[in-house]
Amino acid sequence: MAELATIARPYAEALFQSAKPAELATCLEQLNELAQLAALPEVAALSNNPKVSADDLSKLLSGMVKTKLDSKIASFLNLVNQNHRLSAIPEIAQQFEAMKNQSEGAAEVMITSAFPLEGPALKDLLSSLKKRFGGKELRPTIQVDPSLIGGVRIQVGDEVMDSSVKAQLAQMQASLGA
């Protein structure tokens, strides 16, 4: 969805530039909560309903969040709704998080493993990844996917390192088929 990323970028940049460093975590938390709401089919139906105004939709969504929205996020939500871009909020949240991480010298790491990773094994993996990515602080998210058979798949930004048995089997199959 390159188009959605293109639409989301100016919104994410504007929100990021308007937020103070101390506000970034709160903004991201509230933005992620709005992203979850925007992904709901019922909310998407409301946003496409011409009988529901942008202000009404903003008030409804503001009332659905767990905590009261920061004034900056409330204004942002209103702007997004007026421009009929509610469906872009999940992508805006992702881009905002990437900007926040970059400003803090950190990176999100998605580690998918065939088996649960814990303790020393996880610590060793994160240590070697930290060296590989120039000492950045890594914020891991770990998923277990038994279909990998063995090994791990690591994604940092748009870089993917796949040393899973499943990937190696697929590579062998492609080699033998050629």
N, C-alpha and C. Protein backbone atom coordinates (compact mmCIF):
# COMPACT_ATOMS: atom_id res chain seq x y z
N MET A 1 0.83 -1.19 0.00
CA MET A 1 0.00 0.00 0.00
C MET A 1 0.87 1.25 0.00
N ALA A 2 1.58 1.45 -1.08
CA ALA A 2 2.44 2.61 -1.19
C ALA A 2 1.63 3.90 -1.13
N GLU A 3 0.45 3.86 -1.69
CA GLU A 3 -0.38 5.06 -1.71
C GLU A 3 -0.77 5.49 -0.29
N LEU A 4 -1.14 4.53 0.55
CA LEU A 4 -1.51 4.85 1.92
C LEU A 4 -0.31 5.40 2.69
N ALA A 5 0.87 4.84 2.44
CA ALA A 5 2.09 5.34 3.09
C ALA A 5 2.36 6.78 2.66
N THR A 6 2.12 7.07 1.40
CA THR A 6 2.33 8.42 0.88
C THR A 6 1.34 9.41 1.50
N ILE A 7 0.12 8.96 1.67
CA ILE A 7 -0.90 9.81 2.29
C ILE A 7 -0.57 10.05 3.76
N ALA A 8 -0.10 9.01 4.44
CA ALA A 8 0.13 9.09 5.89
C ALA A 8 1.37 9.91 6.25
N ARG A 9 2.37 9.91 5.41
CA ARG A 9 3.65 10.55 5.74
C ARG A 9 3.52 12.01 6.19
N PRO A 10 2.83 12.88 5.43
CA PRO A 10 2.76 14.29 5.88
C PRO A 10 2.05 14.44 7.23
N TYR A 11 1.05 13.62 7.49
CA TYR A 11 0.35 13.69 8.77
C TYR A 11 1.28 13.27 9.91
N ALA A 12 2.00 12.16 9.71
CA ALA A 12 2.91 11.67 10.74
C ALA A 12 4.02 12.68 10.99
N GLU A 13 4.57 13.25 9.94
CA GLU A 13 5.64 14.24 10.09
C GLU A 13 5.16 15.48 10.82
N ALA A 14 3.98 15.95 10.46
CA ALA A 14 3.43 17.15 11.10
C ALA A 14 3.18 16.91 12.58
N LEU A 15 2.60 15.77 12.91
CA LEU A 15 2.35 15.46 14.32
C LEU A 15 3.66 15.31 15.07
N PHE A 16 4.63 14.64 14.46
CA PHE A 16 5.92 14.44 15.11
C PHE A 16 6.62 15.78 15.37
N GLN A 17 6.58 16.67 14.39
CA GLN A 17 7.25 17.96 14.54
C GLN A 17 6.55 18.86 15.56
N SER A 18 5.25 18.68 15.72
CA SER A 18 4.52 19.53 16.66
C SER A 18 4.63 19.02 18.10
N ALA A 19 5.03 17.77 18.27
CA ALA A 19 5.13 17.20 19.62
C ALA A 19 6.50 17.46 20.22
N LYS A 20 6.51 17.75 21.50
CA LYS A 20 7.77 17.91 22.23
C LYS A 20 8.30 16.51 22.55
N PRO A 21 9.61 16.38 22.74
CA PRO A 21 10.17 15.05 23.04
C PRO A 21 9.50 14.35 24.22
N ALA A 22 9.09 15.09 25.22
CA ALA A 22 8.44 14.49 26.39
C ALA A 22 7.03 13.99 26.07
N GLU A 23 6.43 14.52 24.99
CA GLU A 23 5.07 14.14 24.62
C GLU A 23 5.00 12.97 23.66
N LEU A 24 6.14 12.56 23.10
CA LEU A 24 6.15 11.55 22.05
C LEU A 24 5.51 10.23 22.49
N ALA A 25 5.84 9.76 23.68
CA ALA A 25 5.31 8.48 24.15
C ALA A 25 3.79 8.54 24.31
N THR A 26 3.29 9.62 24.88
CA THR A 26 1.85 9.78 25.06
C THR A 26 1.15 9.88 23.71
N CYS A 27 1.72 10.66 22.81
CA CYS A 27 1.14 10.79 21.47
C CYS A 27 1.07 9.44 20.78
N LEU A 28 2.15 8.68 20.86
CA LEU A 28 2.17 7.37 20.21
C LEU A 28 1.15 6.42 20.82
N GLU A 29 1.04 6.44 22.13
CA GLU A 29 0.07 5.57 22.80
C GLU A 29 -1.35 5.89 22.35
N GLN A 30 -1.69 7.17 22.32
CA GLN A 30 -3.04 7.57 21.92
C GLN A 30 -3.26 7.34 20.43
N LEU A 31 -2.24 7.55 19.64
CA LEU A 31 -2.34 7.32 18.20
C LEU A 31 -2.55 5.83 17.91
N ASN A 32 -1.86 4.97 18.65
CA ASN A 32 -2.05 3.53 18.47
C ASN A 32 -3.46 3.10 18.87
N GLU A 33 -3.99 3.71 19.90
CA GLU A 33 -5.36 3.40 20.32
C GLU A 33 -6.36 3.84 19.24
N LEU A 34 -6.14 5.02 18.67
CA LEU A 34 -7.01 5.48 17.57
C LEU A 34 -6.85 4.58 16.34
N ALA A 35 -5.65 4.09 16.10
CA ALA A 35 -5.41 3.20 14.97
C ALA A 35 -6.21 1.91 15.11
N GLN A 36 -6.29 1.39 16.33
CA GLN A 36 -7.08 0.19 16.57
C GLN A 36 -8.56 0.45 16.29
N LEU A 37 -9.04 1.62 16.72
CA LEU A 37 -10.44 1.97 16.47
C LEU A 37 -10.70 2.18 14.98
N ALA A 38 -9.77 2.85 14.30
CA ALA A 38 -9.95 3.14 12.87
C ALA A 38 -9.97 1.87 12.04
N ALA A 39 -9.36 0.81 12.54
CA ALA A 39 -9.31 -0.46 11.80
C ALA A 39 -10.61 -1.26 11.94
N LEU A 40 -11.47 -0.86 12.86
CA LEU A 40 -12.74 -1.58 13.03
C LEU A 40 -13.67 -1.32 11.84
N PRO A 41 -14.30 -2.36 11.32
CA PRO A 41 -15.20 -2.18 10.16
C PRO A 41 -16.37 -1.22 10.45
N GLU A 42 -16.86 -1.25 11.70
CA GLU A 42 -17.99 -0.37 12.05
C GLU A 42 -17.57 1.10 12.00
N VAL A 43 -16.36 1.38 12.44
CA VAL A 43 -15.86 2.76 12.41
C VAL A 43 -15.61 3.19 10.96
N ALA A 44 -15.08 2.28 10.16
CA ALA A 44 -14.86 2.59 8.74
C ALA A 44 -16.19 2.89 8.05
N ALA A 45 -17.23 2.14 8.40
CA ALA A 45 -18.55 2.39 7.82
C ALA A 45 -19.06 3.77 8.21
N LEU A 46 -18.84 4.15 9.47
CA LEU A 46 -19.27 5.47 9.93
C LEU A 46 -18.49 6.58 9.21
N SER A 47 -17.20 6.36 9.01
CA SER A 47 -16.39 7.41 8.38
C SER A 47 -16.79 7.61 6.91
N ASN A 48 -17.35 6.57 6.30
CA ASN A 48 -17.78 6.69 4.90
C ASN A 48 -19.24 7.10 4.76
N ASN A 49 -19.92 7.29 5.88
CA ASN A 49 -21.32 7.68 5.87
C ASN A 49 -21.43 9.20 5.74
N PRO A 50 -22.04 9.69 4.66
CA PRO A 50 -22.13 11.14 4.47
C PRO A 50 -23.01 11.84 5.51
N LYS A 51 -23.82 11.09 6.23
CA LYS A 51 -24.69 11.68 7.25
C LYS A 51 -23.94 11.94 8.56
N VAL A 52 -22.74 11.38 8.70
CA VAL A 52 -21.94 11.57 9.92
C VAL A 52 -20.87 12.62 9.63
N SER A 53 -20.94 13.73 10.36
CA SER A 53 -19.96 14.80 10.13
C SER A 53 -18.61 14.44 10.73
N ALA A 54 -17.59 15.14 10.29
CA ALA A 54 -16.23 14.93 10.79
C ALA A 54 -16.16 15.23 12.29
N ASP A 55 -16.85 16.28 12.72
CA ASP A 55 -16.86 16.63 14.14
C ASP A 55 -17.53 15.54 14.98
N ASP A 56 -18.65 15.02 14.48
CA ASP A 56 -19.35 13.96 15.20
C ASP A 56 -18.50 12.70 15.30
N LEU A 57 -17.82 12.37 14.21
CA LEU A 57 -16.96 11.20 14.20
C LEU A 57 -15.79 11.38 15.18
N SER A 58 -15.23 12.58 15.20
CA SER A 58 -14.14 12.86 16.13
C SER A 58 -14.60 12.75 17.57
N LYS A 59 -15.77 13.29 17.87
CA LYS A 59 -16.32 13.20 19.23
C LYS A 59 -16.58 11.75 19.62
N LEU A 60 -17.11 10.99 18.69
CA LEU A 60 -17.40 9.58 18.95
C LEU A 60 -16.10 8.82 19.26
N LEU A 61 -15.10 9.00 18.42
CA LEU A 61 -13.83 8.31 18.63
C LEU A 61 -13.13 8.78 19.91
N SER A 62 -13.22 10.06 20.20
CA SER A 62 -12.63 10.58 21.44
C SER A 62 -13.28 9.95 22.66
N GLY A 63 -14.56 9.69 22.56
CA GLY A 63 -15.28 9.05 23.66
C GLY A 63 -15.00 7.56 23.78
N MET A 64 -14.50 6.95 22.72
CA MET A 64 -14.24 5.51 22.73
C MET A 64 -12.87 5.14 23.28
N VAL A 65 -11.96 6.09 23.36
CA VAL A 65 -10.61 5.79 23.85
C VAL A 65 -10.62 5.65 25.37
N LYS A 66 -9.61 4.93 25.88
CA LYS A 66 -9.55 4.64 27.32
C LYS A 66 -9.31 5.89 28.15
N THR A 67 -8.38 6.73 27.70
CA THR A 67 -8.07 7.95 28.45
C THR A 67 -8.44 9.16 27.59
N LYS A 68 -8.64 10.27 28.24
CA LYS A 68 -8.98 11.50 27.52
C LYS A 68 -7.84 11.85 26.58
N LEU A 69 -8.18 12.17 25.33
CA LEU A 69 -7.17 12.50 24.34
C LEU A 69 -6.49 13.82 24.67
N ASP A 70 -5.19 13.84 24.48
CA ASP A 70 -4.39 15.05 24.59
C ASP A 70 -4.95 16.05 23.56
N SER A 71 -4.92 17.33 23.85
CA SER A 71 -5.49 18.33 22.94
C SER A 71 -4.84 18.28 21.57
N LYS A 72 -3.54 17.99 21.53
CA LYS A 72 -2.83 17.89 20.25
C LYS A 72 -3.38 16.73 19.41
N ILE A 73 -3.61 15.58 20.06
CA ILE A 73 -4.13 14.41 19.35
C ILE A 73 -5.59 14.62 18.97
N ALA A 74 -6.35 15.28 19.83
CA ALA A 74 -7.76 15.58 19.51
C ALA A 74 -7.84 16.48 18.28
N SER A 75 -7.00 17.50 18.22
CA SER A 75 -6.98 18.38 17.03
C SER A 75 -6.54 17.62 15.79
N PHE A 76 -5.55 16.75 15.98
CA PHE A 76 -5.06 15.93 14.88
C PHE A 76 -6.17 15.02 14.35
N LEU A 77 -6.90 14.38 15.26
CA LEU A 77 -8.01 13.50 14.87
C LEU A 77 -9.06 14.27 14.10
N ASN A 78 -9.37 15.46 14.55
CA ASN A 78 -10.36 16.29 13.86
C ASN A 78 -9.89 16.62 12.44
N LEU A 79 -8.62 16.97 12.30
CA LEU A 79 -8.06 17.29 10.98
C LEU A 79 -8.12 16.07 10.05
N VAL A 80 -7.74 14.93 10.57
CA VAL A 80 -7.76 13.70 9.78
C VAL A 80 -9.19 13.39 9.32
N ASN A 81 -10.15 13.55 10.22
CA ASN A 81 -11.55 13.28 9.87
C ASN A 81 -12.08 14.29 8.85
N GLN A 82 -11.71 15.55 8.98
CA GLN A 82 -12.16 16.56 8.02
C GLN A 82 -11.63 16.28 6.62
N ASN A 83 -10.44 15.68 6.55
CA ASN A 83 -9.85 15.35 5.25
C ASN A 83 -10.19 13.93 4.80
N HIS A 84 -11.10 13.27 5.52
CA HIS A 84 -11.55 11.92 5.18
C HIS A 84 -10.38 10.95 5.06
N ARG A 85 -9.49 10.98 6.05
CA ARG A 85 -8.30 10.13 6.05
C ARG A 85 -8.23 9.22 7.28
N LEU A 86 -9.36 8.91 7.87
CA LEU A 86 -9.38 8.07 9.07
C LEU A 86 -8.74 6.71 8.79
N SER A 87 -8.91 6.18 7.61
CA SER A 87 -8.34 4.87 7.28
C SER A 87 -6.82 4.89 7.26
N ALA A 88 -6.22 6.07 7.22
CA ALA A 88 -4.76 6.19 7.18
C ALA A 88 -4.14 6.21 8.59
N ILE A 89 -4.96 6.29 9.62
CA ILE A 89 -4.41 6.41 10.97
C ILE A 89 -3.49 5.23 11.36
N PRO A 90 -3.81 3.98 11.04
CA PRO A 90 -2.85 2.91 11.39
C PRO A 90 -1.48 3.13 10.75
N GLU A 91 -1.44 3.55 9.51
CA GLU A 91 -0.17 3.81 8.83
C GLU A 91 0.51 5.05 9.41
N ILE A 92 -0.27 6.05 9.76
CA ILE A 92 0.29 7.25 10.41
C ILE A 92 0.96 6.85 11.72
N ALA A 93 0.30 5.99 12.49
CA ALA A 93 0.86 5.54 13.76
C ALA A 93 2.17 4.79 13.56
N GLN A 94 2.24 3.95 12.54
CA GLN A 94 3.49 3.22 12.26
C GLN A 94 4.61 4.18 11.89
N GLN A 95 4.31 5.14 11.04
CA GLN A 95 5.34 6.09 10.62
C GLN A 95 5.76 6.99 11.79
N PHE A 96 4.82 7.38 12.61
CA PHE A 96 5.13 8.20 13.78
C PHE A 96 6.05 7.42 14.72
N GLU A 97 5.75 6.14 14.92
CA GLU A 97 6.58 5.31 15.80
C GLU A 97 8.00 5.18 15.24
N ALA A 98 8.11 5.02 13.93
CA ALA A 98 9.44 4.93 13.31
C ALA A 98 10.22 6.23 13.52
N MET A 99 9.56 7.37 13.38
CA MET A 99 10.22 8.66 13.61
C MET A 99 10.63 8.82 15.07
N LYS A 100 9.76 8.40 15.97
CA LYS A 100 10.07 8.47 17.41
C LYS A 100 11.29 7.61 17.72
N ASN A 101 11.30 6.39 17.20
CA ASN A 101 12.42 5.49 17.45
C ASN A 101 13.72 6.05 16.88
N GLN A 102 13.64 6.61 15.68
CA GLN A 102 14.83 7.17 15.05
C GLN A 102 15.37 8.34 15.88
N SER A 103 14.48 9.17 16.38
CA SER A 103 14.92 10.32 17.18
C SER A 103 15.55 9.88 18.50
N GLU A 104 15.15 8.72 18.98
CA GLU A 104 15.67 8.19 20.24
C GLU A 104 16.84 7.23 20.01
N GLY A 105 17.21 7.01 18.74
CA GLY A 105 18.29 6.09 18.43
C GLY A 105 17.93 4.65 18.72
N ALA A 106 16.67 4.30 18.50
CA ALA A 106 16.18 2.96 18.79
C ALA A 106 15.55 2.36 17.54
N ALA A 107 15.29 1.06 17.61
CA ALA A 107 14.64 0.37 16.49
C ALA A 107 13.74 -0.73 17.03
N GLU A 108 12.61 -0.92 16.37
CA GLU A 108 11.71 -2.02 16.68
C GLU A 108 12.22 -3.27 15.99
N VAL A 109 12.24 -4.37 16.70
CA VAL A 109 12.72 -5.64 16.16
C VAL A 109 11.61 -6.67 16.30
N MET A 110 11.21 -7.26 15.18
CA MET A 110 10.23 -8.34 15.21
C MET A 110 11.01 -9.64 15.07
N ILE A 111 10.98 -10.45 16.12
CA ILE A 111 11.67 -11.74 16.11
C ILE A 111 10.61 -12.83 16.08
N THR A 112 10.64 -13.61 15.02
CA THR A 112 9.72 -14.72 14.90
C THR A 112 10.54 -15.99 15.02
N SER A 113 10.16 -16.84 15.95
CA SER A 113 10.92 -18.04 16.24
C SER A 113 10.00 -19.26 16.20
N ALA A 114 10.59 -20.41 15.90
CA ALA A 114 9.81 -21.65 15.90
C ALA A 114 9.45 -22.06 17.32
N PHE A 115 10.28 -21.64 18.27
CA PHE A 115 10.09 -22.00 19.67
C PHE A 115 10.20 -20.73 20.52
N PRO A 116 9.61 -20.73 21.73
CA PRO A 116 9.72 -19.54 22.58
C PRO A 116 11.18 -19.18 22.87
N LEU A 117 11.51 -17.91 22.76
CA LEU A 117 12.85 -17.40 23.07
C LEU A 117 12.79 -16.68 24.41
N GLU A 118 13.64 -17.11 25.33
CA GLU A 118 13.65 -16.50 26.66
C GLU A 118 15.05 -16.51 27.22
N GLY A 119 15.26 -15.79 28.27
CA GLY A 119 16.49 -15.84 29.04
C GLY A 119 17.76 -15.58 28.26
N PRO A 120 18.77 -16.42 28.49
CA PRO A 120 20.09 -16.21 27.88
C PRO A 120 20.07 -16.24 26.35
N ALA A 121 19.24 -17.10 25.77
CA ALA A 121 19.17 -17.19 24.30
C ALA A 121 18.70 -15.87 23.71
N LEU A 122 17.68 -15.28 24.29
CA LEU A 122 17.15 -14.01 23.82
C LEU A 122 18.18 -12.90 24.06
N LYS A 123 18.79 -12.91 25.22
CA LYS A 123 19.78 -11.89 25.55
C LYS A 123 20.96 -11.94 24.57
N ASP A 124 21.44 -13.14 24.26
CA ASP A 124 22.55 -13.29 23.30
C ASP A 124 22.15 -12.82 21.91
N LEU A 125 20.95 -13.17 21.48
CA LEU A 125 20.47 -12.75 20.17
C LEU A 125 20.38 -11.23 20.09
N LEU A 126 19.80 -10.61 21.10
CA LEU A 126 19.67 -9.15 21.12
C LEU A 126 21.04 -8.47 21.16
N SER A 127 21.97 -9.06 21.89
CA SER A 127 23.32 -8.50 21.97
C SER A 127 23.99 -8.51 20.59
N SER A 128 23.88 -9.63 19.88
CA SER A 128 24.50 -9.69 18.54
C SER A 128 23.77 -8.78 17.55
N LEU A 129 22.45 -8.65 17.69
CA LEU A 129 21.71 -7.73 16.81
C LEU A 129 22.08 -6.28 17.09
N LYS A 130 22.31 -5.97 18.35
CA LYS A 130 22.68 -4.60 18.72
C LYS A 130 24.01 -4.23 18.07
N LYS A 131 24.95 -5.16 18.06
CA LYS A 131 26.25 -4.92 17.39
C LYS A 131 26.04 -4.73 15.90
N ARG A 132 25.19 -5.57 15.31
CA ARG A 132 24.95 -5.52 13.87
C ARG A 132 24.32 -4.20 13.44
N PHE A 133 23.49 -3.63 14.30
CA PHE A 133 22.78 -2.39 13.97
C PHE A 133 23.39 -1.16 14.64
N GLY A 134 24.69 -1.20 14.85
CA GLY A 134 25.42 -0.02 15.31
C GLY A 134 25.11 0.44 16.71
N GLY A 135 24.76 -0.47 17.60
CA GLY A 135 24.54 -0.10 18.99
C GLY A 135 23.20 0.54 19.29
N LYS A 136 22.28 0.49 18.33
CA LYS A 136 20.94 1.04 18.59
C LYS A 136 20.26 0.27 19.71
N GLU A 137 19.43 0.99 20.45
CA GLU A 137 18.59 0.32 21.43
C GLU A 137 17.53 -0.45 20.65
N LEU A 138 17.38 -1.73 20.95
CA LEU A 138 16.42 -2.57 20.24
C LEU A 138 15.23 -2.86 21.12
N ARG A 139 14.07 -2.69 20.56
CA ARG A 139 12.82 -2.95 21.28
C ARG A 139 12.16 -4.17 20.64
N PRO A 140 12.39 -5.35 21.24
CA PRO A 140 11.94 -6.58 20.59
C PRO A 140 10.47 -6.90 20.82
N THR A 141 9.88 -7.48 19.79
CA THR A 141 8.57 -8.09 19.87
C THR A 141 8.80 -9.52 19.41
N ILE A 142 8.39 -10.47 20.21
CA ILE A 142 8.68 -11.86 19.90
C ILE A 142 7.39 -12.60 19.59
N GLN A 143 7.41 -13.32 18.46
CA GLN A 143 6.28 -14.16 18.06
C GLN A 143 6.77 -15.59 17.92
N VAL A 144 5.91 -16.53 18.20
CA VAL A 144 6.23 -17.93 17.99
C VAL A 144 5.41 -18.42 16.80
N ASP A 145 6.12 -19.01 15.81
CA ASP A 145 5.48 -19.55 14.62
C ASP A 145 6.05 -20.94 14.36
N PRO A 146 5.35 -21.98 14.81
CA PRO A 146 5.86 -23.35 14.65
C PRO A 146 6.09 -23.75 13.18
N SER A 147 5.46 -23.07 12.25
CA SER A 147 5.65 -23.42 10.83
C SER A 147 7.07 -23.12 10.34
N LEU A 148 7.86 -22.36 11.12
CA LEU A 148 9.24 -22.09 10.73
C LEU A 148 10.12 -23.33 10.90
N ILE A 149 9.65 -24.31 11.65
CA ILE A 149 10.31 -25.58 11.95
C ILE A 149 11.49 -25.38 12.90
N GLY A 150 12.37 -24.45 12.63
CA GLY A 150 13.52 -24.15 13.47
C GLY A 150 14.11 -22.83 13.04
N GLY A 151 15.02 -22.27 13.83
CA GLY A 151 15.67 -21.01 13.48
C GLY A 151 14.80 -19.81 13.81
N VAL A 152 15.22 -18.63 13.32
CA VAL A 152 14.49 -17.40 13.58
C VAL A 152 14.40 -16.55 12.31
N ARG A 153 13.41 -15.68 12.32
CA ARG A 153 13.24 -14.67 11.28
C ARG A 153 13.23 -13.34 12.01
N ILE A 154 14.12 -12.43 11.60
CA ILE A 154 14.27 -11.15 12.29
C ILE A 154 13.99 -10.02 11.31
N GLN A 155 13.17 -9.08 11.74
CA GLN A 155 12.87 -7.92 10.90
C GLN A 155 13.12 -6.66 11.71
N VAL A 156 14.00 -5.81 11.16
CA VAL A 156 14.30 -4.51 11.74
C VAL A 156 14.04 -3.50 10.63
N GLY A 157 12.97 -2.74 10.79
CA GLY A 157 12.59 -1.81 9.72
C GLY A 157 12.25 -2.59 8.46
N ASP A 158 12.93 -2.26 7.37
CA ASP A 158 12.66 -2.98 6.12
C ASP A 158 13.71 -4.05 5.83
N GLU A 159 14.60 -4.29 6.79
CA GLU A 159 15.62 -5.33 6.63
C GLU A 159 15.14 -6.62 7.30
N VAL A 160 15.22 -7.73 6.55
CA VAL A 160 14.78 -9.02 7.06
C VAL A 160 15.93 -10.01 6.98
N MET A 161 16.16 -10.71 8.08
CA MET A 161 17.15 -11.79 8.12
C MET A 161 16.39 -13.06 8.47
N ASP A 162 16.37 -14.00 7.55
CA ASP A 162 15.59 -15.21 7.74
C ASP A 162 16.51 -16.43 7.73
N SER A 163 16.75 -16.98 8.90
CA SER A 163 17.58 -18.18 9.01
C SER A 163 16.74 -19.37 9.46
N SER A 164 15.43 -19.30 9.17
CA SER A 164 14.55 -20.38 9.58
C SER A 164 14.73 -21.59 8.66
N VAL A 165 14.41 -22.74 9.18
CA VAL A 165 14.48 -23.98 8.39
C VAL A 165 13.50 -23.89 7.22
N LYS A 166 12.36 -23.29 7.45
CA LYS A 166 11.35 -23.14 6.40
C LYS A 166 11.92 -22.34 5.22
N ALA A 167 12.64 -21.26 5.49
CA ALA A 167 13.24 -20.45 4.42
C ALA A 167 14.35 -21.22 3.72
N GLN A 168 15.13 -21.97 4.49
CA GLN A 168 16.20 -22.75 3.88
C GLN A 168 15.64 -23.86 2.98
N LEU A 169 14.54 -24.48 3.40
CA LEU A 169 13.90 -25.50 2.57
C LEU A 169 13.33 -24.88 1.28
N ALA A 170 12.74 -23.71 1.41
CA ALA A 170 12.20 -23.02 0.23
C ALA A 170 13.32 -22.67 -0.74
N GLN A 171 14.47 -22.24 -0.19
CA GLN A 171 15.61 -21.90 -1.04
C GLN A 171 16.15 -23.15 -1.74
N MET A 172 16.21 -24.27 -1.01
CA MET A 172 16.67 -25.52 -1.63
C MET A 172 15.71 -25.97 -2.72
N GLN A 173 14.42 -25.84 -2.47
CA GLN A 173 13.42 -26.22 -3.46
C GLN A 173 13.56 -25.38 -4.71
N ALA A 174 13.82 -24.09 -4.56
CA ALA A 174 13.99 -23.21 -5.71
C ALA A 174 15.26 -23.59 -6.47
N SER A 175 16.32 -23.94 -5.76
CA SER A 175 17.58 -24.35 -6.39
C SER A 175 17.42 -25.63 -7.17
N LEU A 176 16.72 -26.60 -6.58
CA LEU A 176 16.54 -27.89 -7.25
C LEU A 176 15.59 -27.78 -8.43
N GLY A 177 14.66 -26.85 -8.37
CA GLY A 177 13.69 -26.65 -9.45
C GLY A 177 14.27 -25.93 -10.64
N ALA A 178 15.39 -25.24 -10.47
CA ALA A 178 15.97 -24.45 -11.56
C ALA A 178 16.72 -25.26 -12.56
